[in-house]
Amino acid sequence: MIDFLSYGCIGLGIFFWFWGTYPLLGERSVLYKLHTLSVSDTLGSMSITIGLLLRIPREWPLIMLALISLAIWNTILGYVLAYCSSGDETHD
């Protein structure tokens, strides 16, 4: 049962990766594309990491560190990229 749940989380993560990449082909704004990509990438990566946690429970401290790092760094870097690509020359 744990194997099925683990593969399900990994499959869901891969689905999120592809789902976030699809809007890049559209004609929307760059910030919309960036938001969609960063959210789906974070969810997909975290889902894959949870799937790995279920497969390798003895490595939970390292995998939990990876989950926390993904949540923090993907969010921060998404904001930084959005700030830099906003096109406004009056950044304070």
N, C-alpha and C. Protein backbone atom coordinates (compact mmCIF):
# COMPACT_ATOMS: atom_id res chain seq x y z
N MET A 1 0.82 -1.20 0.00
CA MET A 1 0.00 0.00 0.00
C MET A 1 0.86 1.26 0.00
N ILE A 2 1.96 1.22 0.76
CA ILE A 2 2.86 2.38 0.82
C ILE A 2 3.51 2.60 -0.55
N ASP A 3 3.86 1.51 -1.24
CA ASP A 3 4.45 1.65 -2.57
C ASP A 3 3.48 2.32 -3.53
N PHE A 4 2.21 1.93 -3.49
CA PHE A 4 1.20 2.53 -4.35
C PHE A 4 1.05 4.02 -4.06
N LEU A 5 1.00 4.37 -2.77
CA LEU A 5 0.88 5.77 -2.37
C LEU A 5 2.12 6.57 -2.78
N SER A 6 3.28 5.94 -2.64
CA SER A 6 4.52 6.60 -3.03
C SER A 6 4.56 6.87 -4.53
N TYR A 7 4.23 5.87 -5.31
CA TYR A 7 4.20 6.07 -6.76
C TYR A 7 3.13 7.07 -7.18
N GLY A 8 2.03 7.09 -6.44
CA GLY A 8 0.98 8.07 -6.71
C GLY A 8 1.47 9.50 -6.48
N CYS A 9 2.21 9.72 -5.39
CA CYS A 9 2.76 11.05 -5.11
C CYS A 9 3.78 11.45 -6.16
N ILE A 10 4.63 10.53 -6.56
CA ILE A 10 5.64 10.83 -7.57
C ILE A 10 4.96 11.13 -8.91
N GLY A 11 3.95 10.34 -9.27
CA GLY A 11 3.22 10.59 -10.51
C GLY A 11 2.49 11.93 -10.48
N LEU A 12 1.90 12.27 -9.34
CA LEU A 12 1.23 13.56 -9.20
C LEU A 12 2.23 14.71 -9.35
N GLY A 13 3.42 14.53 -8.80
CA GLY A 13 4.46 15.55 -8.93
C GLY A 13 4.88 15.76 -10.37
N ILE A 14 5.04 14.69 -11.10
CA ILE A 14 5.39 14.81 -12.52
C ILE A 14 4.26 15.46 -13.31
N PHE A 15 3.02 15.13 -12.95
CA PHE A 15 1.87 15.78 -13.58
C PHE A 15 1.91 17.29 -13.34
N PHE A 16 2.18 17.72 -12.10
CA PHE A 16 2.26 19.14 -11.80
C PHE A 16 3.37 19.82 -12.59
N TRP A 17 4.50 19.15 -12.77
CA TRP A 17 5.59 19.73 -13.55
C TRP A 17 5.13 20.03 -14.98
N PHE A 18 4.49 19.05 -15.61
CA PHE A 18 4.04 19.25 -16.99
C PHE A 18 2.88 20.24 -17.06
N TRP A 19 2.00 20.21 -16.08
CA TRP A 19 0.86 21.12 -16.05
C TRP A 19 1.33 22.57 -15.95
N GLY A 20 2.38 22.84 -15.20
CA GLY A 20 2.90 24.19 -15.07
C GLY A 20 3.68 24.64 -16.29
N THR A 21 4.20 23.72 -17.05
CA THR A 21 4.97 24.07 -18.24
C THR A 21 4.05 24.40 -19.42
N TYR A 22 2.87 23.83 -19.45
CA TYR A 22 1.95 24.04 -20.56
C TYR A 22 1.59 25.52 -20.78
N PRO A 23 1.28 26.32 -19.75
CA PRO A 23 0.93 27.74 -20.00
C PRO A 23 2.06 28.58 -20.59
N LEU A 24 3.28 28.07 -20.58
CA LEU A 24 4.38 28.83 -21.18
C LEU A 24 4.18 29.01 -22.68
N LEU A 25 3.38 28.15 -23.28
CA LEU A 25 3.14 28.23 -24.72
C LEU A 25 2.07 29.24 -25.09
N GLY A 26 1.34 29.73 -24.09
CA GLY A 26 0.23 30.64 -24.35
C GLY A 26 0.69 32.07 -24.59
N GLU A 27 -0.27 32.96 -24.73
CA GLU A 27 0.00 34.36 -25.04
C GLU A 27 -0.24 35.26 -23.83
N ARG A 28 -0.23 34.72 -22.66
CA ARG A 28 -0.44 35.50 -21.45
C ARG A 28 0.81 36.29 -21.09
N SER A 29 0.70 37.08 -20.02
CA SER A 29 1.84 37.91 -19.59
C SER A 29 2.94 37.04 -18.99
N VAL A 30 4.11 37.61 -18.94
CA VAL A 30 5.27 36.91 -18.40
C VAL A 30 5.06 36.60 -16.92
N LEU A 31 4.47 37.53 -16.18
CA LEU A 31 4.25 37.31 -14.75
C LEU A 31 3.26 36.19 -14.50
N TYR A 32 2.22 36.07 -15.33
CA TYR A 32 1.28 34.96 -15.20
C TYR A 32 2.00 33.64 -15.45
N LYS A 33 2.80 33.61 -16.50
CA LYS A 33 3.54 32.39 -16.82
C LYS A 33 4.51 32.02 -15.70
N LEU A 34 5.18 33.02 -15.15
CA LEU A 34 6.12 32.79 -14.05
C LEU A 34 5.39 32.27 -12.82
N HIS A 35 4.25 32.85 -12.51
CA HIS A 35 3.49 32.40 -11.35
C HIS A 35 3.03 30.96 -11.51
N THR A 36 2.48 30.64 -12.66
CA THR A 36 2.00 29.28 -12.91
C THR A 36 3.14 28.27 -12.84
N LEU A 37 4.25 28.63 -13.43
CA LEU A 37 5.39 27.72 -13.43
C LEU A 37 5.96 27.53 -12.03
N SER A 38 6.09 28.60 -11.26
CA SER A 38 6.70 28.47 -9.93
C SER A 38 5.79 27.72 -8.96
N VAL A 39 4.48 27.95 -9.04
CA VAL A 39 3.57 27.24 -8.14
C VAL A 39 3.53 25.75 -8.47
N SER A 40 3.39 25.44 -9.73
CA SER A 40 3.30 24.03 -10.10
C SER A 40 4.64 23.30 -9.89
N ASP A 41 5.74 24.00 -10.10
CA ASP A 41 7.05 23.39 -9.85
C ASP A 41 7.23 23.10 -8.36
N THR A 42 6.83 24.03 -7.52
CA THR A 42 6.94 23.81 -6.08
C THR A 42 6.05 22.66 -5.64
N LEU A 43 4.80 22.64 -6.07
CA LEU A 43 3.90 21.55 -5.69
C LEU A 43 4.39 20.20 -6.23
N GLY A 44 4.85 20.19 -7.47
CA GLY A 44 5.35 18.95 -8.05
C GLY A 44 6.58 18.43 -7.34
N SER A 45 7.52 19.32 -7.07
CA SER A 45 8.75 18.90 -6.38
C SER A 45 8.45 18.42 -4.97
N MET A 46 7.54 19.10 -4.28
CA MET A 46 7.20 18.68 -2.93
C MET A 46 6.45 17.34 -2.94
N SER A 47 5.61 17.13 -3.93
CA SER A 47 4.90 15.86 -4.04
C SER A 47 5.88 14.71 -4.32
N ILE A 48 6.83 14.94 -5.18
CA ILE A 48 7.85 13.92 -5.45
C ILE A 48 8.68 13.65 -4.21
N THR A 49 9.01 14.68 -3.47
CA THR A 49 9.79 14.51 -2.24
C THR A 49 9.00 13.73 -1.19
N ILE A 50 7.70 13.98 -1.08
CA ILE A 50 6.88 13.20 -0.15
C ILE A 50 6.81 11.74 -0.60
N GLY A 51 6.73 11.52 -1.91
CA GLY A 51 6.78 10.15 -2.41
C GLY A 51 8.08 9.45 -2.06
N LEU A 52 9.19 10.19 -2.12
CA LEU A 52 10.48 9.62 -1.71
C LEU A 52 10.52 9.36 -0.21
N LEU A 53 9.88 10.23 0.56
CA LEU A 53 9.82 10.03 2.01
C LEU A 53 9.09 8.74 2.35
N LEU A 54 8.04 8.44 1.60
CA LEU A 54 7.31 7.20 1.82
C LEU A 54 8.13 5.98 1.40
N ARG A 55 8.97 6.13 0.39
CA ARG A 55 9.80 5.02 -0.08
C ARG A 55 11.00 4.78 0.81
N ILE A 56 11.58 5.86 1.35
CA ILE A 56 12.82 5.75 2.14
C ILE A 56 12.59 6.45 3.49
N PRO A 57 11.83 5.86 4.40
CA PRO A 57 11.51 6.55 5.66
C PRO A 57 12.72 6.74 6.58
N ARG A 58 13.77 5.96 6.41
CA ARG A 58 14.93 6.12 7.29
C ARG A 58 15.71 7.41 7.01
N GLU A 59 15.45 8.03 5.87
CA GLU A 59 16.13 9.28 5.50
C GLU A 59 15.25 10.50 5.75
N TRP A 60 14.29 10.41 6.68
CA TRP A 60 13.34 11.49 6.87
C TRP A 60 13.97 12.82 7.25
N PRO A 61 15.06 12.91 8.04
CA PRO A 61 15.61 14.25 8.34
C PRO A 61 16.09 14.97 7.08
N LEU A 62 16.77 14.24 6.21
CA LEU A 62 17.28 14.83 4.98
C LEU A 62 16.13 15.21 4.03
N ILE A 63 15.14 14.36 3.94
CA ILE A 63 14.01 14.63 3.06
C ILE A 63 13.16 15.79 3.60
N MET A 64 13.01 15.88 4.91
CA MET A 64 12.28 17.01 5.49
C MET A 64 13.03 18.32 5.24
N LEU A 65 14.36 18.27 5.31
CA LEU A 65 15.16 19.45 4.99
C LEU A 65 14.95 19.86 3.53
N ALA A 66 14.86 18.87 2.65
CA ALA A 66 14.61 19.16 1.24
C ALA A 66 13.23 19.79 1.05
N LEU A 67 12.22 19.29 1.77
CA LEU A 67 10.87 19.86 1.67
C LEU A 67 10.84 21.32 2.14
N ILE A 68 11.47 21.59 3.26
CA ILE A 68 11.51 22.95 3.78
C ILE A 68 12.26 23.87 2.83
N SER A 69 13.38 23.39 2.30
CA SER A 69 14.16 24.19 1.36
C SER A 69 13.36 24.49 0.09
N LEU A 70 12.65 23.49 -0.41
CA LEU A 70 11.82 23.72 -1.60
C LEU A 70 10.75 24.78 -1.34
N ALA A 71 10.09 24.67 -0.22
CA ALA A 71 9.02 25.61 0.09
C ALA A 71 9.55 27.04 0.22
N ILE A 72 10.68 27.19 0.86
CA ILE A 72 11.22 28.54 1.10
C ILE A 72 11.87 29.10 -0.17
N TRP A 73 12.80 28.36 -0.75
CA TRP A 73 13.58 28.91 -1.86
C TRP A 73 12.77 29.09 -3.13
N ASN A 74 11.88 28.17 -3.45
CA ASN A 74 11.07 28.35 -4.66
C ASN A 74 10.15 29.56 -4.52
N THR A 75 9.63 29.78 -3.33
CA THR A 75 8.78 30.95 -3.11
C THR A 75 9.58 32.24 -3.21
N ILE A 76 10.71 32.29 -2.54
CA ILE A 76 11.53 33.50 -2.56
C ILE A 76 12.04 33.80 -3.96
N LEU A 77 12.53 32.80 -4.65
CA LEU A 77 13.05 33.04 -6.00
C LEU A 77 11.95 33.41 -6.99
N GLY A 78 10.75 32.92 -6.79
CA GLY A 78 9.63 33.35 -7.63
C GLY A 78 9.33 34.83 -7.45
N TYR A 79 9.37 35.29 -6.20
CA TYR A 79 9.15 36.71 -5.95
C TYR A 79 10.28 37.57 -6.52
N VAL A 80 11.51 37.10 -6.38
CA VAL A 80 12.65 37.86 -6.90
C VAL A 80 12.56 37.97 -8.43
N LEU A 81 12.26 36.86 -9.10
CA LEU A 81 12.14 36.90 -10.55
C LEU A 81 10.99 37.80 -11.00
N ALA A 82 9.88 37.76 -10.27
CA ALA A 82 8.75 38.62 -10.62
C ALA A 82 9.11 40.09 -10.41
N TYR A 83 9.83 40.37 -9.36
CA TYR A 83 10.24 41.74 -9.08
C TYR A 83 11.18 42.25 -10.17
N CYS A 84 12.11 41.41 -10.58
CA CYS A 84 13.10 41.82 -11.58
C CYS A 84 12.48 41.92 -12.98
N SER A 85 11.45 41.14 -13.26
CA SER A 85 10.88 41.16 -14.60
C SER A 85 9.67 42.08 -14.72
N SER A 86 9.36 42.83 -13.68
CA SER A 86 8.15 43.66 -13.72
C SER A 86 8.30 44.82 -14.71
N GLY A 87 9.52 45.20 -15.07
CA GLY A 87 9.72 46.24 -16.07
C GLY A 87 9.67 47.64 -15.51
N ASP A 88 9.40 47.80 -14.25
CA ASP A 88 9.34 49.12 -13.64
C ASP A 88 10.75 49.55 -13.27
N GLU A 89 11.17 50.70 -13.74
CA GLU A 89 12.52 51.17 -13.50
C GLU A 89 12.69 51.87 -12.16
N THR A 90 11.61 52.03 -11.40
CA THR A 90 11.70 52.75 -10.13
C THR A 90 11.64 51.79 -8.97
N HIS A 91 12.45 50.74 -8.99
CA HIS A 91 12.50 49.80 -7.86
C HIS A 91 13.14 50.48 -6.68
N ASP A 92 12.50 50.36 -5.53
CA ASP A 92 13.07 50.94 -4.30
C ASP A 92 13.83 49.91 -3.52
